Amino acid sequence: IESEGIAHYSYIIGDGREAAVIDPRLDCDVYVEKAHFEGLHIRHILETHRHEDFVLGSVALNERTGAEIWHADDQWNYGYGSAVRDGQTWKIGRLKLEAIHSPGHTPGSMSYLLYDPDGYPWMVFTGDALFAGDVGRVDFMGMDRAPEMAGYLYDTIFTRLLPLGDGVIVCPAHGPGSVCAGDIGERMWTTIGLERLSNPKILAADRDEFISLTAKKLAYPPYFRQMEKLNLEGVSFCDTLPVPLSVHDFT
């Protein structure tokens, strides 16, 4: 599901009569309608990290469906849901999702590896860890910690994501135009193998060069602070309903 304007990608995965949604947007009717059309029941809502550029719809979607919410970044005090554990799994019909701790963009970021019905790794939902042609920004914790976070991201990519195999499809949380990286490529999906061959950050000679390329300060719009706050508290579906105007508003 593409949210134009902020180049955000969310995903709905279904098999049999069950479904899961990853990183839902606030106007969550799109997931409910798609699930209903396919005869699916949304049972799980998974977040890859605490997003900064838009308000997550996890709580709103939970109110509509009763699905369990699983959030990443368990070092922060969330007002909703349960914290994901590294290696945790979920069954979705014949499919399986597995959580992969993927720190770097945020300290507790998670990726989710999807296995096909035969048990083979099929695609990985990388959040803001790995994009087409780029990797996630690492300056949200402050520039004093940027080299540290870039080191975590290097370890995530080279020890947790690339070993998944060149044929695994990469499904990131953002596309070109997003402020969550400096130079995302113009393709909606990519693969581990394509990124291994062409991603400039992954082609860095060593860990030090990767950190040097990645630990940069990027644009930080002021509204990000409010997004961070809302995405820790959780925004209810009722919070998004319009307020009716009275005749006095026009006098």
C-alpha atoms as a PDB file:
ATOM      1  CA  ILE A   1       0.000   0.000   0.000  1.00  0.00           C
ATOM      2  CA  GLU A   2       1.717   3.207  -1.159  1.00  0.00           C
ATOM      3  CA  SER A   3       1.086   6.498   0.624  1.00  0.00           C
ATOM      4  CA  GLU A   4       1.938   9.104  -1.962  1.00  0.00           C
ATOM      5  CA  GLY A   5       3.579  12.329  -0.870  1.00  0.00           C
ATOM      6  CA  ILE A   6       5.661  10.715   1.864  1.00  0.00           C
ATOM      7  CA  ALA A   7       6.689   7.664  -0.200  1.00  0.00           C
ATOM      8  CA  HIS A   8       5.599   5.300   2.577  1.00  0.00           C
ATOM      9  CA  TYR A   9       5.018   1.615   1.855  1.00  0.00           C
ATOM     10  CA  SER A  10       2.930  -0.576   4.135  1.00  0.00           C
ATOM     11  CA  TYR A  11       2.022  -4.198   3.470  1.00  0.00           C
ATOM     12  CA  ILE A  12      -0.801  -6.669   3.951  1.00  0.00           C
ATOM     13  CA  ILE A  13       0.081 -10.379   3.828  1.00  0.00           C
ATOM     14  CA  GLY A  14      -2.593 -13.040   3.673  1.00  0.00           C
ATOM     15  CA  ASP A  15      -3.050 -16.768   3.234  1.00  0.00           C
ATOM     16  CA  GLY A  16      -5.978 -19.022   3.967  1.00  0.00           C
ATOM     17  CA  ARG A  17      -8.274 -16.837   6.048  1.00  0.00           C
ATOM     18  CA  GLU A  18      -5.582 -14.974   8.028  1.00  0.00           C
ATOM     19  CA  ALA A  19      -3.679 -11.767   7.390  1.00  0.00           C
ATOM     20  CA  ALA A  20      -1.049  -9.490   8.915  1.00  0.00           C
ATOM     21  CA  VAL A  21      -0.323  -5.822   8.258  1.00  0.00           C
ATOM     22  CA  ILE A  22       3.117  -4.247   8.495  1.00  0.00           C
ATOM     23  CA  ASP A  23       3.557  -0.526   9.315  1.00  0.00           C
ATOM     24  CA  PRO A  24      -0.063   0.567   8.697  1.00  0.00           C
ATOM     25  CA  ARG A  25      -0.947   4.159   7.921  1.00  0.00           C
ATOM     26  CA  LEU A  26      -3.594   6.000   9.916  1.00  0.00           C
ATOM     27  CA  ASP A  27      -6.345   5.906   7.270  1.00  0.00           C
ATOM     28  CA  CYS A  28      -6.622   2.166   7.767  1.00  0.00           C
ATOM     29  CA  ASP A  29      -9.823   1.432   5.840  1.00  0.00           C
ATOM     30  CA  VAL A  30      -7.658   0.306   2.915  1.00  0.00           C
ATOM     31  CA  TYR A  31      -6.446  -2.746   4.877  1.00  0.00           C
ATOM     32  CA  VAL A  32      -9.910  -3.617   6.202  1.00  0.00           C
ATOM     33  CA  GLU A  33     -11.410  -3.394   2.723  1.00  0.00           C
ATOM     34  CA  LYS A  34      -8.690  -5.469   1.067  1.00  0.00           C
ATOM     35  CA  ALA A  35      -8.889  -8.130   3.766  1.00  0.00           C
ATOM     36  CA  HIS A  36     -12.699  -8.240   3.479  1.00  0.00           C
ATOM     37  CA  PHE A  37     -12.530  -8.562  -0.319  1.00  0.00           C
ATOM     38  CA  GLU A  38     -10.128 -11.521  -0.022  1.00  0.00           C
ATOM     39  CA  GLY A  39     -12.046 -13.189   2.834  1.00  0.00           C
ATOM     40  CA  LEU A  40      -9.217 -12.591   5.314  1.00  0.00           C
ATOM     41  CA  HIS A  41      -9.194 -11.705   9.001  1.00  0.00           C
ATOM     42  CA  ILE A  42      -6.368  -9.376  10.087  1.00  0.00           C
ATOM     43  CA  ARG A  43      -4.865 -11.022  13.167  1.00  0.00           C
ATOM     44  CA  HIS A  44      -1.486  -9.313  13.542  1.00  0.00           C
ATOM     45  CA  ILE A  45      -0.187  -5.751  13.177  1.00  0.00           C
ATOM     46  CA  LEU A  46       3.609  -5.450  13.125  1.00  0.00           C
ATOM     47  CA  GLU A  47       5.768  -2.331  13.230  1.00  0.00           C
ATOM     48  CA  THR A  48       9.352  -2.226  11.986  1.00  0.00           C
ATOM     49  CA  HIS A  49      10.284   0.786  14.148  1.00  0.00           C
ATOM     50  CA  ARG A  50       8.979   4.017  15.659  1.00  0.00           C
ATOM     51  CA  HIS A  51       8.329   6.055  12.535  1.00  0.00           C
ATOM     52  CA  GLU A  52       9.153   9.765  12.451  1.00  0.00           C
ATOM     53  CA  ASP A  53       7.548  11.009   9.230  1.00  0.00           C
ATOM     54  CA  PHE A  54       3.917   9.882   9.577  1.00  0.00           C
ATOM     55  CA  VAL A  55       1.416   8.746  12.197  1.00  0.00           C
ATOM     56  CA  LEU A  56       1.096   4.982  12.432  1.00  0.00           C
ATOM     57  CA  GLY A  57      -2.368   3.461  12.245  1.00  0.00           C
ATOM     58  CA  SER A  58      -1.713   0.449  14.467  1.00  0.00           C
ATOM     59  CA  VAL A  59      -4.108   1.454  17.261  1.00  0.00           C
ATOM     60  CA  ALA A  60      -6.795   2.562  14.793  1.00  0.00           C
ATOM     61  CA  LEU A  61      -6.518  -0.733  12.889  1.00  0.00           C
ATOM     62  CA  ASN A  62      -6.638  -2.681  16.156  1.00  0.00           C
ATOM     63  CA  GLU A  63      -9.901  -0.927  17.020  1.00  0.00           C
ATOM     64  CA  ARG A  64     -11.349  -1.960  13.677  1.00  0.00           C
ATOM     65  CA  THR A  65     -10.151  -5.576  13.663  1.00  0.00           C
ATOM     66  CA  GLY A  66      -9.059  -6.683  17.148  1.00  0.00           C
ATOM     67  CA  ALA A  67      -5.654  -7.665  15.746  1.00  0.00           C
ATOM     68  CA  GLU A  68      -2.682  -7.900  18.125  1.00  0.00           C
ATOM     69  CA  ILE A  69      -0.161  -5.065  17.850  1.00  0.00           C
ATOM     70  CA  TRP A  70       3.570  -5.805  17.986  1.00  0.00           C
ATOM     71  CA  HIS A  71       5.939  -2.847  18.134  1.00  0.00           C
ATOM     72  CA  ALA A  72       9.711  -2.620  17.800  1.00  0.00           C
ATOM     73  CA  ASP A  73      12.064  -0.380  19.821  1.00  0.00           C
ATOM     74  CA  ASP A  74      11.234  -1.936  23.169  1.00  0.00           C
ATOM     75  CA  GLN A  75      13.653   0.467  24.885  1.00  0.00           C
ATOM     76  CA  TRP A  76      10.944   3.138  24.656  1.00  0.00           C
ATOM     77  CA  ASN A  77       7.790   3.337  26.736  1.00  0.00           C
ATOM     78  CA  TYR A  78       4.966   2.566  24.319  1.00  0.00           C
ATOM     79  CA  GLY A  79       1.383   3.202  25.347  1.00  0.00           C
ATOM     80  CA  TYR A  80       0.003   0.284  23.366  1.00  0.00           C
ATOM     81  CA  GLY A  81       0.801  -3.180  22.039  1.00  0.00           C
ATOM     82  CA  SER A  82       3.544  -5.641  22.960  1.00  0.00           C
ATOM     83  CA  ALA A  83       7.259  -5.564  22.231  1.00  0.00           C
ATOM     84  CA  VAL A  84       8.600  -7.860  19.508  1.00  0.00           C
ATOM     85  CA  ARG A  85      11.363 -10.294  20.438  1.00  0.00           C
ATOM     86  CA  ASP A  86      14.196 -11.211  18.087  1.00  0.00           C
ATOM     87  CA  GLY A  87      13.345 -14.548  16.487  1.00  0.00           C
ATOM     88  CA  GLN A  88       9.632 -14.343  17.333  1.00  0.00           C
ATOM     89  CA  THR A  89       7.405 -15.984  14.710  1.00  0.00           C
ATOM     90  CA  TRP A  90       3.808 -15.717  13.534  1.00  0.00           C
ATOM     91  CA  LYS A  91       1.799 -18.130  11.389  1.00  0.00           C
ATOM     92  CA  ILE A  92      -0.363 -16.645   8.644  1.00  0.00           C
ATOM     93  CA  GLY A  93      -2.144 -19.560   7.028  1.00  0.00           C
ATOM     94  CA  ARG A  94       0.630 -21.641   5.457  1.00  0.00           C
ATOM     95  CA  LEU A  95       3.115 -18.758   5.692  1.00  0.00           C
ATOM     96  CA  LYS A  96       5.454 -17.797   8.518  1.00  0.00           C
ATOM     97  CA  LEU A  97       6.895 -14.448   9.564  1.00  0.00           C
ATOM     98  CA  GLU A  98      10.053 -14.224  11.667  1.00  0.00           C
ATOM     99  CA  ALA A  99      11.325 -11.110  13.470  1.00  0.00           C
ATOM    100  CA  ILE A 100      14.960 -10.103  12.867  1.00  0.00           C
ATOM    101  CA  HIS A 101      16.467  -7.502  15.199  1.00  0.00           C
ATOM    102  CA  SER A 102      17.814  -4.828  12.827  1.00  0.00           C
ATOM    103  CA  PRO A 103      19.237  -1.897  14.813  1.00  0.00           C
ATOM    104  CA  GLY A 104      20.781   1.138  13.169  1.00  0.00           C
ATOM    105  CA  HIS A 105      18.022   3.456  12.003  1.00  0.00           C
ATOM    106  CA  THR A 106      16.615   3.170  15.530  1.00  0.00           C
ATOM    107  CA  PRO A 107      18.087   1.089  18.355  1.00  0.00           C
ATOM    108  CA  GLY A 108      15.362  -1.557  18.311  1.00  0.00           C
ATOM    109  CA  SER A 109      14.319  -1.698  14.655  1.00  0.00           C
ATOM    110  CA  MET A 110      12.929  -5.006  13.417  1.00  0.00           C
ATOM    111  CA  SER A 111      12.786  -6.639   9.995  1.00  0.00           C
ATOM    112  CA  TYR A 112      10.317  -9.430   9.231  1.00  0.00           C
ATOM    113  CA  LEU A 113      11.301 -12.423   7.094  1.00  0.00           C
ATOM    114  CA  LEU A 114       8.447 -14.139   5.259  1.00  0.00           C
ATOM    115  CA  TYR A 115       8.747 -17.853   4.506  1.00  0.00           C
ATOM    116  CA  ASP A 116       6.743 -19.391   1.651  1.00  0.00           C
ATOM    117  CA  PRO A 117       4.451 -22.437   2.148  1.00  0.00           C
ATOM    118  CA  ASP A 118       7.420 -24.770   1.592  1.00  0.00           C
ATOM    119  CA  GLY A 119       9.463 -23.055   4.295  1.00  0.00           C
ATOM    120  CA  TYR A 120      11.881 -21.143   2.049  1.00  0.00           C
ATOM    121  CA  PRO A 121      12.837 -17.501   2.761  1.00  0.00           C
ATOM    122  CA  TRP A 122      10.788 -15.491   0.274  1.00  0.00           C
ATOM    123  CA  MET A 123      10.817 -11.789   1.134  1.00  0.00           C
ATOM    124  CA  VAL A 124      11.990  -9.541   3.943  1.00  0.00           C
ATOM    125  CA  PHE A 125      10.243  -6.404   5.180  1.00  0.00           C
ATOM    126  CA  THR A 126      13.179  -4.229   6.161  1.00  0.00           C
ATOM    127  CA  GLY A 127      11.518  -1.070   7.472  1.00  0.00           C
ATOM    128  CA  ASP A 128      14.130   1.687   7.298  1.00  0.00           C
ATOM    129  CA  ALA A 129      17.176  -0.584   7.564  1.00  0.00           C
ATOM    130  CA  LEU A 130      17.647  -1.313   3.862  1.00  0.00           C
ATOM    131  CA  PHE A 131      16.153   0.455   0.848  1.00  0.00           C
ATOM    132  CA  ALA A 132      16.562   0.134  -2.887  1.00  0.00           C
ATOM    133  CA  GLY A 133      19.889   1.829  -3.510  1.00  0.00           C
ATOM    134  CA  ASP A 134      20.424   3.149   0.004  1.00  0.00           C
ATOM    135  CA  VAL A 135      20.276   2.365   3.719  1.00  0.00           C
ATOM    136  CA  GLY A 136      18.399   4.051   6.558  1.00  0.00           C
ATOM    137  CA  ARG A 137      19.527   7.336   8.043  1.00  0.00           C
ATOM    138  CA  VAL A 138      21.259   7.034  11.423  1.00  0.00           C
ATOM    139  CA  ASP A 139      21.087  10.591  12.793  1.00  0.00           C
ATOM    140  CA  PHE A 140      17.761  10.449  14.661  1.00  0.00           C
ATOM    141  CA  MET A 141      19.498   9.684  17.966  1.00  0.00           C
ATOM    142  CA  GLY A 142      21.725  12.749  17.537  1.00  0.00           C
ATOM    143  CA  MET A 143      24.930  13.257  15.576  1.00  0.00           C
ATOM    144  CA  ASP A 144      26.995  12.346  18.629  1.00  0.00           C
ATOM    145  CA  ARG A 145      25.596   8.801  18.343  1.00  0.00           C
ATOM    146  CA  ALA A 146      25.458   8.645  14.540  1.00  0.00           C
ATOM    147  CA  PRO A 147      28.738   6.697  14.122  1.00  0.00           C
ATOM    148  CA  GLU A 148      27.588   4.212  16.771  1.00  0.00           C
ATOM    149  CA  MET A 149      24.217   3.759  15.048  1.00  0.00           C
ATOM    150  CA  ALA A 150      25.921   3.421  11.660  1.00  0.00           C
ATOM    151  CA  GLY A 151      28.036   0.630  13.131  1.00  0.00           C
ATOM    152  CA  TYR A 152      24.889  -1.145  14.307  1.00  0.00           C
ATOM    153  CA  LEU A 153      23.386  -0.742  10.848  1.00  0.00           C
ATOM    154  CA  TYR A 154      26.516  -2.183   9.227  1.00  0.00           C
ATOM    155  CA  ASP A 155      26.233  -5.261  11.429  1.00  0.00           C
ATOM    156  CA  THR A 156      22.506  -5.541  10.661  1.00  0.00           C
ATOM    157  CA  ILE A 157      23.053  -5.484   6.915  1.00  0.00           C
ATOM    158  CA  PHE A 158      26.168  -7.628   6.700  1.00  0.00           C
ATOM    159  CA  THR A 159      25.420 -10.220   9.373  1.00  0.00           C
ATOM    160  CA  ARG A 160      21.592 -10.388   9.403  1.00  0.00           C
ATOM    161  CA  LEU A 161      20.156  -9.288   6.048  1.00  0.00           C
ATOM    162  CA  LEU A 162      22.651 -10.101   3.283  1.00  0.00           C
ATOM    163  CA  PRO A 163      23.071 -13.722   4.494  1.00  0.00           C
ATOM    164  CA  LEU A 164      19.350 -14.315   3.846  1.00  0.00           C
ATOM    165  CA  GLY A 165      20.241 -15.003   0.214  1.00  0.00           C
ATOM    166  CA  ASP A 166      20.407 -13.075  -3.066  1.00  0.00           C
ATOM    167  CA  GLY A 167      16.982 -14.255  -4.239  1.00  0.00           C
ATOM    168  CA  VAL A 168      15.097 -12.865  -1.242  1.00  0.00           C
ATOM    169  CA  ILE A 169      12.862  -9.920  -2.180  1.00  0.00           C
ATOM    170  CA  VAL A 170      13.404  -6.742  -0.139  1.00  0.00           C
ATOM    171  CA  CYS A 171      10.240  -4.816   0.791  1.00  0.00           C
ATOM    172  CA  PRO A 172      11.260  -1.513   2.455  1.00  0.00           C
ATOM    173  CA  ALA A 173       9.084   0.980   4.315  1.00  0.00           C
ATOM    174  CA  HIS A 174       9.855   3.857   1.927  1.00  0.00           C
ATOM    175  CA  GLY A 175      10.577   4.655  -1.692  1.00  0.00           C
ATOM    176  CA  PRO A 176      12.217   7.547  -3.591  1.00  0.00           C
ATOM    177  CA  GLY A 177      11.435  10.969  -2.157  1.00  0.00           C
ATOM    178  CA  SER A 178      11.328   9.841   1.463  1.00  0.00           C
ATOM    179  CA  VAL A 179      13.297  11.852   4.008  1.00  0.00           C
ATOM    180  CA  CYS A 180      14.290   8.621   5.787  1.00  0.00           C
ATOM    181  CA  ALA A 181      17.367   8.204   3.580  1.00  0.00           C
ATOM    182  CA  GLY A 182      19.440  10.349   1.272  1.00  0.00           C
ATOM    183  CA  ASP A 183      19.108   8.675  -2.131  1.00  0.00           C
ATOM    184  CA  ILE A 184      16.561   5.852  -2.408  1.00  0.00           C
ATOM    185  CA  GLY A 185      16.393   4.227  -5.844  1.00  0.00           C
ATOM    186  CA  GLU A 186      13.372   4.493  -8.117  1.00  0.00           C
ATOM    187  CA  ARG A 187      12.021   0.975  -7.752  1.00  0.00           C
ATOM    188  CA  MET A 188       9.364  -0.182  -5.336  1.00  0.00           C
ATOM    189  CA  TRP A 189      11.004  -3.497  -4.501  1.00  0.00           C
ATOM    190  CA  THR A 190      14.480  -4.874  -4.827  1.00  0.00           C
ATOM    191  CA  THR A 191      16.359  -8.030  -3.860  1.00  0.00           C
ATOM    192  CA  ILE A 192      19.213  -8.866  -1.545  1.00  0.00           C
ATOM    193  CA  GLY A 193      21.335  -9.779  -4.583  1.00  0.00           C
ATOM    194  CA  LEU A 194      20.651  -6.539  -6.438  1.00  0.00           C
ATOM    195  CA  GLU A 195      21.556  -4.486  -3.383  1.00  0.00           C
ATOM    196  CA  ARG A 196      24.714  -6.516  -2.852  1.00  0.00           C
ATOM    197  CA  LEU A 197      25.767  -5.669  -6.424  1.00  0.00           C
ATOM    198  CA  SER A 198      24.657  -2.050  -6.744  1.00  0.00           C
ATOM    199  CA  ASN A 199      23.970  -0.328  -3.414  1.00  0.00           C
ATOM    200  CA  PRO A 200      26.754   2.272  -2.898  1.00  0.00           C
ATOM    201  CA  LYS A 201      26.732   1.925   0.903  1.00  0.00           C
ATOM    202  CA  ILE A 202      26.931  -1.873   0.745  1.00  0.00           C
ATOM    203  CA  LEU A 203      29.805  -1.575  -1.742  1.00  0.00           C
ATOM    204  CA  ALA A 204      31.864   0.262   0.892  1.00  0.00           C
ATOM    205  CA  ALA A 205      35.323  -1.270   1.287  1.00  0.00           C
ATOM    206  CA  ASP A 206      34.936  -1.967   4.992  1.00  0.00           C
ATOM    207  CA  ARG A 207      33.033  -1.083   8.173  1.00  0.00           C
ATOM    208  CA  ASP A 208      34.864   2.232   8.636  1.00  0.00           C
ATOM    209  CA  GLU A 209      34.019   3.411   5.133  1.00  0.00           C
ATOM    210  CA  PHE A 210      30.376   2.365   5.595  1.00  0.00           C
ATOM    211  CA  ILE A 211      30.192   4.414   8.799  1.00  0.00           C
ATOM    212  CA  SER A 212      31.811   7.387   7.079  1.00  0.00           C
ATOM    213  CA  LEU A 213      29.278   7.228   4.217  1.00  0.00           C
ATOM    214  CA  THR A 214      26.274   6.704   6.474  1.00  0.00           C
ATOM    215  CA  ALA A 215      26.814   8.860   9.579  1.00  0.00           C
ATOM    216  CA  LYS A 216      25.495  12.050   7.974  1.00  0.00           C
ATOM    217  CA  LYS A 217      23.039  14.667   9.193  1.00  0.00           C
ATOM    218  CA  LEU A 218      19.962  14.842   6.964  1.00  0.00           C
ATOM    219  CA  ALA A 219      16.975  17.184   6.899  1.00  0.00           C
ATOM    220  CA  TYR A 220      14.837  17.042  10.053  1.00  0.00           C
ATOM    221  CA  PRO A 221      11.446  18.756   9.624  1.00  0.00           C
ATOM    222  CA  PRO A 222      10.059  20.109  12.936  1.00  0.00           C
ATOM    223  CA  TYR A 223       6.914  17.969  12.718  1.00  0.00           C
ATOM    224  CA  PHE A 224       9.016  14.840  13.272  1.00  0.00           C
ATOM    225  CA  ARG A 225       9.035  15.513  17.019  1.00  0.00           C
ATOM    226  CA  GLN A 226       5.246  15.378  17.115  1.00  0.00           C
ATOM    227  CA  MET A 227       5.226  12.169  15.049  1.00  0.00           C
ATOM    228  CA  GLU A 228       7.624  10.532  17.515  1.00  0.00           C
ATOM    229  CA  LYS A 229       5.362  11.481  20.429  1.00  0.00           C
ATOM    230  CA  LEU A 230       2.162  10.293  18.746  1.00  0.00           C
ATOM    231  CA  ASN A 231       3.738   7.024  17.639  1.00  0.00           C
ATOM    232  CA  LEU A 232       4.694   6.178  21.203  1.00  0.00           C
ATOM    233  CA  GLU A 233       1.269   7.043  22.585  1.00  0.00           C
ATOM    234  CA  GLY A 234      -0.757   5.485  19.756  1.00  0.00           C
ATOM    235  CA  VAL A 235      -3.506   7.308  17.866  1.00  0.00           C
ATOM    236  CA  SER A 236      -7.061   6.019  18.165  1.00  0.00           C
ATOM    237  CA  PHE A 237      -9.464   5.781  15.245  1.00  0.00           C
ATOM    238  CA  CYS A 238     -11.789   8.142  17.139  1.00  0.00           C
ATOM    239  CA  ASP A 239      -8.984  10.718  17.320  1.00  0.00           C
ATOM    240  CA  THR A 240      -9.032  10.979  13.540  1.00  0.00           C
ATOM    241  CA  LEU A 241     -12.761  11.702  13.114  1.00  0.00           C
ATOM    242  CA  PRO A 242     -13.598  15.222  11.904  1.00  0.00           C
ATOM    243  CA  VAL A 243     -15.160  17.654  14.368  1.00  0.00           C
ATOM    244  CA  PRO A 244     -18.549  18.959  13.146  1.00  0.00           C
ATOM    245  CA  LEU A 245     -18.791  22.726  12.686  1.00  0.00           C
ATOM    246  CA  SER A 246     -21.640  24.709  14.252  1.00  0.00           C
ATOM    247  CA  VAL A 247     -23.449  27.670  12.737  1.00  0.00           C
ATOM    248  CA  HIS A 248     -21.498  29.914  15.125  1.00  0.00           C
ATOM    249  CA  ASP A 249     -18.263  29.015  13.340  1.00  0.00           C
ATOM    250  CA  PHE A 250     -19.529  30.964  10.342  1.00  0.00           C
ATOM    251  CA  THR A 251     -20.683  34.117  12.142  1.00  0.00           C
END
